[in-house]
Every structure is written in C-alpha cells, then in structure tokens.
Protein backbone atom coordinates (compact mmCIF):
# COMPACT_ATOMS: atom_id res chain seq x y z
CA MET A 1 -88.97 -38.93 204.28
CA ALA A 2 -87.13 -41.85 202.84
CA GLU A 3 -86.62 -41.82 198.77
CA GLY A 4 -86.61 -45.53 198.36
CA ARG A 5 -89.74 -45.50 200.27
CA GLY A 6 -92.02 -43.56 198.14
CA ASN A 7 -91.11 -44.67 194.80
CA ARG A 8 -91.08 -48.41 195.46
CA ARG A 9 -93.75 -50.17 194.24
CA GLN A 10 -95.00 -53.60 196.09
CA PRO A 11 -95.74 -56.12 193.67
CA HIS A 12 -99.35 -56.71 193.31
CA ASN A 13 -99.88 -60.33 191.68
CA LEU A 14 -98.61 -63.74 191.89
CA GLN A 15 -95.95 -63.18 188.62
CA GLY A 16 -94.82 -59.91 190.43
CA VAL A 17 -93.92 -62.25 193.97
CA LEU A 18 -92.38 -64.53 191.62
CA GLN A 19 -90.15 -62.13 189.74
CA MET A 20 -88.73 -60.82 193.09
CA ALA A 21 -88.50 -63.86 194.52
CA VAL A 22 -86.45 -65.52 191.75
CA GLU A 23 -84.50 -61.83 191.35
CA ALA A 24 -83.91 -61.68 195.40
CA GLY A 25 -82.27 -65.58 195.24
CA SER A 26 -80.29 -65.27 192.36
CA ALA A 27 -78.60 -62.29 193.67
CA SER A 28 -77.16 -64.67 196.36
CA ASP A 29 -77.28 -67.93 195.12
CA GLY A 30 -76.60 -68.54 191.40
CA PRO A 31 -79.38 -68.94 188.98
CA ALA A 32 -82.91 -69.61 190.07
CA PRO A 33 -84.27 -73.70 189.58
CA THR A 34 -86.05 -74.01 186.70
CA GLU A 35 -88.09 -76.81 188.26
CA PRO A 36 -92.05 -76.28 188.54
CA MET A 37 -93.33 -74.80 191.95
CA THR A 38 -94.77 -77.36 194.38
CA GLN A 39 -97.93 -77.00 195.95
CA GLU A 40 -96.54 -75.89 199.11
CA ARG A 41 -94.56 -73.55 197.11
CA VAL A 42 -97.69 -72.23 195.79
CA GLU A 43 -99.29 -71.81 198.95
CA PHE A 44 -96.37 -69.76 200.63
CA LEU A 45 -96.34 -67.37 197.77
CA ARG A 46 -99.43 -67.03 197.61
CA ALA A 47 -99.85 -66.22 201.47
CA ALA A 48 -96.39 -63.22 201.10
CA LEU A 49 -98.68 -61.97 198.26
CA ALA A 50 -101.92 -61.01 200.43
CA GLU A 51 -99.76 -59.56 203.14
CA VAL A 52 -97.58 -57.54 200.38
CA CYS A 53 -100.82 -56.20 199.02
CA LYS A 54 -102.90 -56.06 202.54
CA GLY A 55 -101.32 -52.80 203.57
CA GLN A 56 -101.66 -51.18 200.49
CA MET A 57 -105.22 -51.98 199.60
CA ASN A 58 -105.82 -50.69 203.20
CA GLU A 59 -104.47 -47.40 202.68
CA VAL A 60 -106.81 -46.68 199.60
CA GLU A 61 -109.66 -47.48 201.70
CA GLN A 62 -108.41 -45.03 203.96
CA MET A 63 -108.36 -42.64 201.69
CA LYS A 64 -111.55 -43.47 200.47
CA ARG A 65 -113.16 -42.95 203.76
CA CYS A 66 -111.53 -39.93 204.70
CA LEU A 67 -112.70 -38.03 201.61
CA GLU A 68 -116.12 -39.30 202.18
CA VAL A 69 -115.70 -37.11 205.43
CA LEU A 70 -114.81 -34.02 203.34
CA ARG A 71 -117.36 -34.24 200.52
CA ARG A 72 -120.13 -34.34 203.57
CA ASP A 73 -120.81 -30.61 203.75
CA GLU A 74 -121.26 -30.85 199.84
CA CYS A 75 -124.99 -31.59 200.39
CA ARG A 76 -124.81 -29.15 203.22
CA GLU A 77 -126.80 -25.94 202.71
CA ARG A 78 -125.42 -22.79 202.47
CA GLY A 79 -125.07 -20.28 205.34
CA SER A 80 -125.95 -23.38 207.94
CA GLY A 81 -123.81 -24.33 210.40
CA GLU A 82 -121.06 -26.86 211.65
CA ASP A 83 -120.63 -28.45 214.87
CA ALA A 84 -117.45 -28.83 216.16
CA GLU A 85 -117.09 -32.82 215.92
CA GLU A 86 -118.05 -32.62 212.44
CA GLU A 87 -114.92 -30.10 212.16
CA ASP A 88 -113.14 -32.17 214.09
CA GLU A 89 -113.64 -35.27 211.68
CA ARG A 90 -112.14 -33.13 208.85
CA GLU A 91 -109.13 -31.90 210.79
CA ASP A 92 -108.42 -35.84 211.07
CA ALA A 93 -109.52 -36.82 207.66
CA LEU A 94 -106.92 -34.29 206.46
CA GLU A 95 -103.98 -35.66 209.01
CA VAL A 96 -104.62 -39.43 208.09
CA LEU A 97 -104.23 -38.15 204.34
CA SER A 98 -101.16 -36.14 204.57
CA GLU A 99 -99.49 -38.54 206.81
CA LEU A 100 -100.80 -41.56 203.93
CA CYS A 101 -99.33 -39.28 201.06
CA GLU A 102 -95.60 -39.20 202.21
CA ASN A 103 -95.69 -42.36 200.64
CA LEU A 104 -95.32 -41.06 197.24
CA ASP A 105 -97.58 -43.75 195.57
CA ASN A 106 -100.74 -42.75 197.74
CA ALA A 107 -99.95 -39.35 196.65
CA ARG A 108 -100.62 -40.28 193.06
CA ASP A 109 -103.60 -42.59 194.19
CA LEU A 110 -105.11 -39.41 196.35
CA MET A 111 -104.75 -37.70 192.91
CA LYS A 112 -106.58 -40.11 190.88
CA LEU A 113 -109.27 -40.40 193.52
CA GLY A 114 -110.07 -36.70 192.64
CA GLY A 115 -108.56 -36.10 196.47
CA LEU A 116 -106.54 -32.78 195.63
CA ASP A 117 -109.01 -31.55 193.18
CA LEU A 118 -111.68 -31.88 196.10
CA CYS A 119 -108.91 -30.09 199.11
CA MET A 120 -108.32 -27.49 196.77
CA SER A 121 -112.13 -26.62 195.69
CA ARG A 122 -113.38 -26.85 199.49
CA CYS A 123 -111.03 -27.28 201.72
CA LEU A 124 -108.13 -24.24 201.23
CA CYS A 125 -111.06 -22.27 201.50
CA HIS A 126 -113.25 -23.03 204.32
CA SER A 127 -114.37 -20.81 206.77
CA GLU A 128 -112.22 -22.86 209.68
CA ALA A 129 -108.58 -21.83 209.78
CA GLY A 130 -107.94 -25.62 210.75
CA ILE A 131 -109.13 -26.78 208.12
CA ARG A 132 -107.44 -24.40 205.47
CA TRP A 133 -103.73 -25.39 207.18
CA ARG A 134 -104.50 -28.85 206.72
CA ALA A 135 -105.27 -28.91 203.68
CA ALA A 136 -102.11 -26.70 202.69
CA GLN A 137 -100.28 -29.56 204.32
CA LEU A 138 -101.72 -31.95 202.72
CA ILE A 139 -100.84 -30.35 199.13
CA ALA A 140 -97.16 -29.89 200.54
CA SER A 141 -96.62 -33.66 201.14
CA CYS A 142 -98.22 -34.80 197.92
CA ALA A 143 -96.55 -32.24 196.07
CA GLN A 144 -92.91 -32.66 197.23
CA ASN A 145 -90.67 -34.74 195.10
CA MET A 146 -93.39 -35.39 192.48
CA PRO A 147 -93.83 -33.92 189.41
CA GLU A 148 -96.72 -35.36 188.74
CA VAL A 149 -98.66 -34.61 191.23
CA GLN A 150 -97.12 -31.24 190.62
CA TYR A 151 -98.31 -30.74 187.09
CA HIS A 152 -101.80 -31.49 188.22
CA LEU A 153 -101.73 -29.24 190.79
CA LEU A 154 -100.58 -26.26 188.32
CA ASN A 155 -102.98 -27.52 186.09
CA GLN A 156 -105.69 -26.32 188.49
CA GLY A 157 -104.81 -23.43 189.73
CA ALA A 158 -103.69 -24.28 193.12
CA LEU A 159 -100.49 -21.98 193.25
CA PRO A 160 -102.00 -18.43 192.73
CA THR A 161 -104.44 -19.53 195.53
CA LEU A 162 -101.93 -20.40 197.55
CA LEU A 163 -99.97 -17.40 196.98
CA GLN A 164 -103.27 -15.54 198.17
CA LEU A 165 -103.54 -17.51 201.45
CA THR A 166 -99.89 -16.60 201.80
CA ASP A 167 -100.55 -13.20 201.55
CA HIS A 168 -103.71 -11.85 202.87
CA ASP A 169 -104.60 -15.11 205.41
CA THR A 170 -105.59 -13.89 208.85
CA ASN A 171 -104.38 -16.60 210.43
CA SER A 172 -100.63 -17.08 210.83
CA THR A 173 -100.64 -20.93 210.32
CA VAL A 174 -102.42 -20.78 207.26
CA ARG A 175 -100.15 -18.77 206.03
CA VAL A 176 -96.95 -20.44 207.07
CA LYS A 177 -98.25 -23.50 205.52
CA ALA A 178 -99.23 -22.45 202.66
CA LEU A 179 -95.87 -20.99 201.63
CA TYR A 180 -95.14 -24.61 202.59
CA ALA A 181 -96.92 -25.90 199.87
CA VAL A 182 -95.64 -23.06 197.55
CA SER A 183 -91.93 -24.18 197.93
CA CYS A 184 -93.00 -28.05 197.21
CA LEU A 185 -94.65 -26.53 193.66
CA VAL A 186 -91.82 -24.52 192.52
CA ARG A 187 -88.50 -25.56 193.99
CA GLU A 188 -86.96 -27.53 191.37
CA GLN A 189 -89.62 -27.33 189.13
CA GLU A 190 -89.51 -25.07 186.04
CA ALA A 191 -93.19 -24.97 185.48
CA GLY A 192 -93.84 -23.59 188.95
CA LEU A 193 -91.10 -21.09 188.73
CA LYS A 194 -93.24 -19.60 186.01
CA ASP A 195 -96.44 -19.46 187.94
CA PHE A 196 -94.47 -18.47 190.97
CA LEU A 197 -93.24 -15.31 188.59
CA THR A 198 -96.61 -14.67 186.91
CA HIS A 199 -98.23 -14.20 189.96
CA ASP A 200 -95.93 -12.13 191.74
CA GLY A 201 -94.40 -14.25 193.96
CA PHE A 202 -91.22 -12.45 195.17
CA SER A 203 -93.47 -9.63 196.05
CA VAL A 204 -95.49 -12.11 198.13
CA LEU A 205 -92.04 -13.46 199.91
CA MET A 206 -90.65 -9.77 200.23
CA ARG A 207 -94.14 -9.18 202.15
CA GLY A 208 -93.56 -12.46 204.47
CA MET A 209 -90.30 -11.22 205.37
CA GLN A 210 -91.70 -7.93 206.97
CA SER A 211 -94.62 -10.25 208.50
CA ASP A 212 -95.12 -10.41 212.17
CA SER A 213 -95.25 -14.21 212.00
CA LYS A 214 -91.56 -15.39 212.75
CA LYS A 215 -92.27 -18.62 211.09
CA LEU A 216 -92.95 -17.15 208.24
CA ARG A 217 -90.47 -14.53 207.83
CA THR A 218 -87.98 -17.40 208.21
CA LYS A 219 -89.27 -19.54 205.68
CA SER A 220 -90.14 -16.54 203.49
CA ALA A 221 -86.34 -15.90 203.42
CA PHE A 222 -85.10 -19.21 202.97
CA LEU A 223 -87.34 -20.01 199.64
CA LEU A 224 -86.03 -16.88 198.24
CA LEU A 225 -82.52 -17.51 198.96
CA ASN A 226 -83.08 -20.88 197.51
CA LEU A 227 -84.94 -19.66 194.30
CA LEU A 228 -82.06 -16.77 193.83
CA THR A 229 -78.88 -19.73 194.13
CA SER A 230 -80.62 -22.04 191.90
CA HIS A 231 -81.68 -19.14 189.02
CA PRO A 232 -79.76 -16.18 189.32
CA GLU A 233 -81.19 -14.49 186.25
CA HIS A 234 -83.91 -13.48 188.44
CA LYS A 235 -81.76 -11.32 190.57
CA GLU A 236 -82.42 -8.38 188.53
CA THR A 237 -85.99 -8.63 188.71
CA VAL A 238 -86.04 -8.72 192.38
CA LEU A 239 -83.70 -5.68 192.57
CA SER A 240 -86.02 -3.51 190.76
CA MET A 241 -88.69 -3.91 193.79
CA GLY A 242 -86.41 -2.48 196.00
CA MET A 243 -85.42 -5.73 198.06
CA VAL A 244 -82.26 -4.60 199.03
CA GLN A 245 -84.19 -1.69 201.23
CA GLN A 246 -86.42 -3.97 202.13
CA LEU A 247 -84.14 -6.25 203.41
CA VAL A 248 -82.00 -4.06 205.14
CA SER A 249 -84.94 -3.32 207.38
CA VAL A 250 -85.52 -6.46 208.04
CA LEU A 251 -81.70 -6.64 209.79
CA ARG A 252 -82.82 -4.21 211.77
CA SER A 253 -85.39 -5.94 213.58
CA PRO A 254 -84.78 -7.46 216.67
CA HIS A 255 -82.35 -10.67 215.90
CA SER A 256 -83.67 -13.77 215.08
CA SER A 257 -82.81 -16.62 212.72
CA VAL A 258 -84.18 -15.50 209.08
CA HIS A 259 -81.04 -12.59 209.56
CA GLU A 260 -79.12 -15.48 208.61
CA HIS A 261 -80.78 -16.08 205.42
CA VAL A 262 -81.48 -12.48 204.76
CA LEU A 263 -77.84 -12.32 204.85
CA GLY A 264 -77.79 -14.93 202.50
CA VAL A 265 -79.88 -13.29 200.24
CA LEU A 266 -77.79 -10.01 200.32
CA CYS A 267 -74.75 -11.89 199.21
CA CYS A 268 -76.41 -13.46 196.55
CA LEU A 269 -77.71 -10.40 194.70
CA VAL A 270 -74.27 -8.29 194.98
CA GLU A 271 -72.37 -11.59 193.21
CA GLU A 272 -71.76 -10.75 189.74
CA SER A 273 -74.12 -7.37 189.96
CA PRO A 274 -73.20 -3.91 190.08
CA ARG A 275 -76.70 -3.04 190.62
CA GLY A 276 -77.06 -4.85 193.91
CA VAL A 277 -73.51 -3.75 195.28
CA SER A 278 -74.93 -0.19 194.16
CA ASP A 279 -77.89 -0.89 196.17
CA CYS A 280 -76.15 -1.83 199.33
CA ARG A 281 -74.00 1.23 199.10
CA ASP A 282 -76.63 3.39 199.14
CA PRO A 283 -75.88 5.62 202.14
CA SER A 284 -79.37 5.98 203.46
CA LEU A 285 -79.39 2.68 204.05
CA GLY A 286 -76.18 2.97 206.54
CA LEU A 287 -75.46 -0.77 205.96
CA GLU A 288 -71.40 -0.91 206.29
CA GLU A 289 -72.04 0.43 209.68
CA LEU A 290 -74.56 -2.47 210.32
CA LEU A 291 -72.55 -5.06 209.21
CA ASN A 292 -69.26 -3.51 211.37
CA GLN A 293 -71.67 -3.74 214.09
CA ARG A 294 -72.88 -7.02 213.30
CA LEU A 295 -69.29 -8.18 213.53
CA LEU A 296 -68.90 -7.12 216.62
CA ASP A 297 -71.85 -8.88 218.36
CA LEU A 298 -71.08 -12.25 216.46
CA LYS A 299 -67.53 -12.29 217.52
CA GLY A 300 -66.50 -15.77 219.02
CA ARG A 301 -70.18 -16.66 218.95
CA GLU A 302 -69.96 -20.47 217.82
CA GLU A 303 -73.80 -20.59 216.49
CA GLY A 304 -73.14 -17.56 214.52
CA LEU A 305 -70.35 -18.46 212.03
CA GLU A 306 -72.24 -18.84 209.09
CA GLN A 307 -73.69 -15.39 209.80
CA LEU A 308 -70.34 -13.72 210.74
CA GLU A 309 -69.00 -15.25 207.38
CA PHE A 310 -71.92 -13.96 205.42
CA CYS A 311 -71.04 -10.09 207.23
CA GLU A 312 -67.68 -10.36 206.00
CA ARG A 313 -68.45 -11.56 202.26
CA LEU A 314 -71.11 -8.84 202.15
CA ARG A 315 -68.68 -6.13 203.32
CA ALA A 316 -65.77 -6.96 201.12
CA ALA A 317 -68.05 -7.10 197.68
CA CYS A 318 -69.85 -3.61 198.81
CA PHE A 319 -67.49 -1.52 200.74
CA GLN A 320 -63.63 -3.20 200.12
CA ALA A 321 -63.24 -4.18 202.99
CA ALA A 322 -60.95 -7.38 203.00
CA PRO A 323 -62.63 -10.57 204.86
CA VAL A 324 -61.76 -10.59 208.66
CA LYS A 325 -59.44 -14.05 209.07
CA ASP A 326 -60.02 -16.47 211.37
CA ASN A 327 -57.67 -15.75 214.19
CA GLU A 328 -58.10 -12.08 214.55
CA MET A 329 -62.19 -12.69 215.53
CA ASP A 330 -60.52 -15.24 218.20
CA ARG A 331 -62.52 -17.76 217.03
C-alpha cells in the first residue's frame, strides 16, 4: 500500500480545488494570476470538484451499505439459523470493507461510522469461521500505520480478543488472520505492546510456533523476532519463559521457512545476554551439534545464506567457534 495514497486528502469544496490548482500552477508557471475567474473557468472547476468528490462519496456509501448487511442479524432471534446466502453476503461485505480500508481515510471513516465496534462485537465472535477471519483481516487493514484507529481498537479491548483467537480458535485461517491483526496493533505502537505484555502475548507466540499450521508458526516467529529486535529490554522476560528450549525444539522439526526466523530470535536472545548464552549451552539441548549439522546441510545452498549466517553467529556467540569464512563454505 502506497503511503501517500492513504494519507492524501482530496479537496472537498470549490475553495480546495482552487487552492490545489493555484499550488500546481505556481510550482511550474510562477505566481498565479490575480484576475477574477471567468464563468467558464468556474464551471470547469466545479466539474473537477464533482469528479474528485464522487469517488470518496461513493466509497462512504459503500461502507454504509456493507454495515447494513452486517447489522441484519442484530434483530435475529437467538438460536435461529442463518442460510448460506446470508453468510456469503456478510463475508462479501467484510471483504469489500477490507479493500476500501486500505485507504487510511476510509479506515478512519469506518471507525467514525461504528464499523469497527460492530466488527469486534459481532463478527470476531461469529459462529462461522469465514466471518471471523474476515473480521480479523478488516481490523488489520484499518489498524496498520494508523495510530488513531489503533488507539480506538485498543481502548475497545480488541487485543485480548485477537490473542484469544490466535491461541484457541479451531480454524487455522482465523488464527493466522488474528495474529496479523495483533501484529498491526503492537508493532511500533507502545500502547499496543503494553497491552500485549499485560495479556501474556509472548506465551501466545511461543505456542503459535508449536502449532500444526505452517503459516502460524512462521508468522509467530517473525513477530517475536521483530518485537525483540525493536525492544531488547524484554529479552529477559522471554528467557524466563524457557523460550530457548522451545525454539531449539522447533529447530528440530522438519525444515521449513520458520527456521530462519527461529535462528534469528536465538541470535537476538544471546546478544549481550549471559543468560541467553547459558541457556543455549545447556548440554541437554544439543544445540552445538544441531548447528554444526545445519551448517553442513546449508553448505553451498544459495537460498540458505541467511540461515547460514545466523548459525555461524549463534555458534560463535555460544560455543566460541569462529565464523566460517565464505571461501571455506564454497559459496
């Protein structure tokens, strides 16, 4: 998503269009003319204004219609069924909202329309997984790079609900999308990180890395690496949870993309941390042997260069082995 696209406000009145025209003209042709505008010029600018505003107005109307669809079951009696067509309509409405809210102006407007509150109160807890994961996707779309929306969601208690879905939902797609929404609320967001710590978010990530879902394992490890890199002051908290033992256990699983992030986390945990180094040296883990074997397996494989670097750094930090030089690995 282009940052400029989301943050740019289009003019919403004739004065705004005039100002935009003046600024554009002054940038290339020198000072703007001071003569009164002709009627022809006024009509031209009115038409331009109508075209500029039409798209934004249509998008707001689209959002309102989508919210009407999502509100339909508010009057439905408890316990009554919902046919497939109604479910499809709700899923479609959530997808349209997610697409529209890639534009940050629309995300803000949806918040003001009560759409995010509706999403949290009715859609995240819906009986149908297709609605739950699309609701989590919508929250993520609205929250990323938008502090105003992030604060609103955090104040409404979105984070513990999303962590609960990440940890316990029976549908793997719901869990992955919920974690994505968590990431959008806590990365580079101090209030979100504080809420994350209050609700034991690191434990959720640790369990996510042990999931049977490859995507959830990878995204959990990636978020853990990001948080520890940005906030190294929390390394001791993670170490006290037995994270090193859990990470080494993940490394012993069949090779996958998650291993690169896990090795990155281990490197992060041993940097300037005697406890991290001590935990990695625990003989019962057999980490040195595992790293030596991984170095042999990765030798000469171009796609494994980053994992190779992590293995070398980890071995050097914990087992006093000098990093292997490039020519020795025959890259």
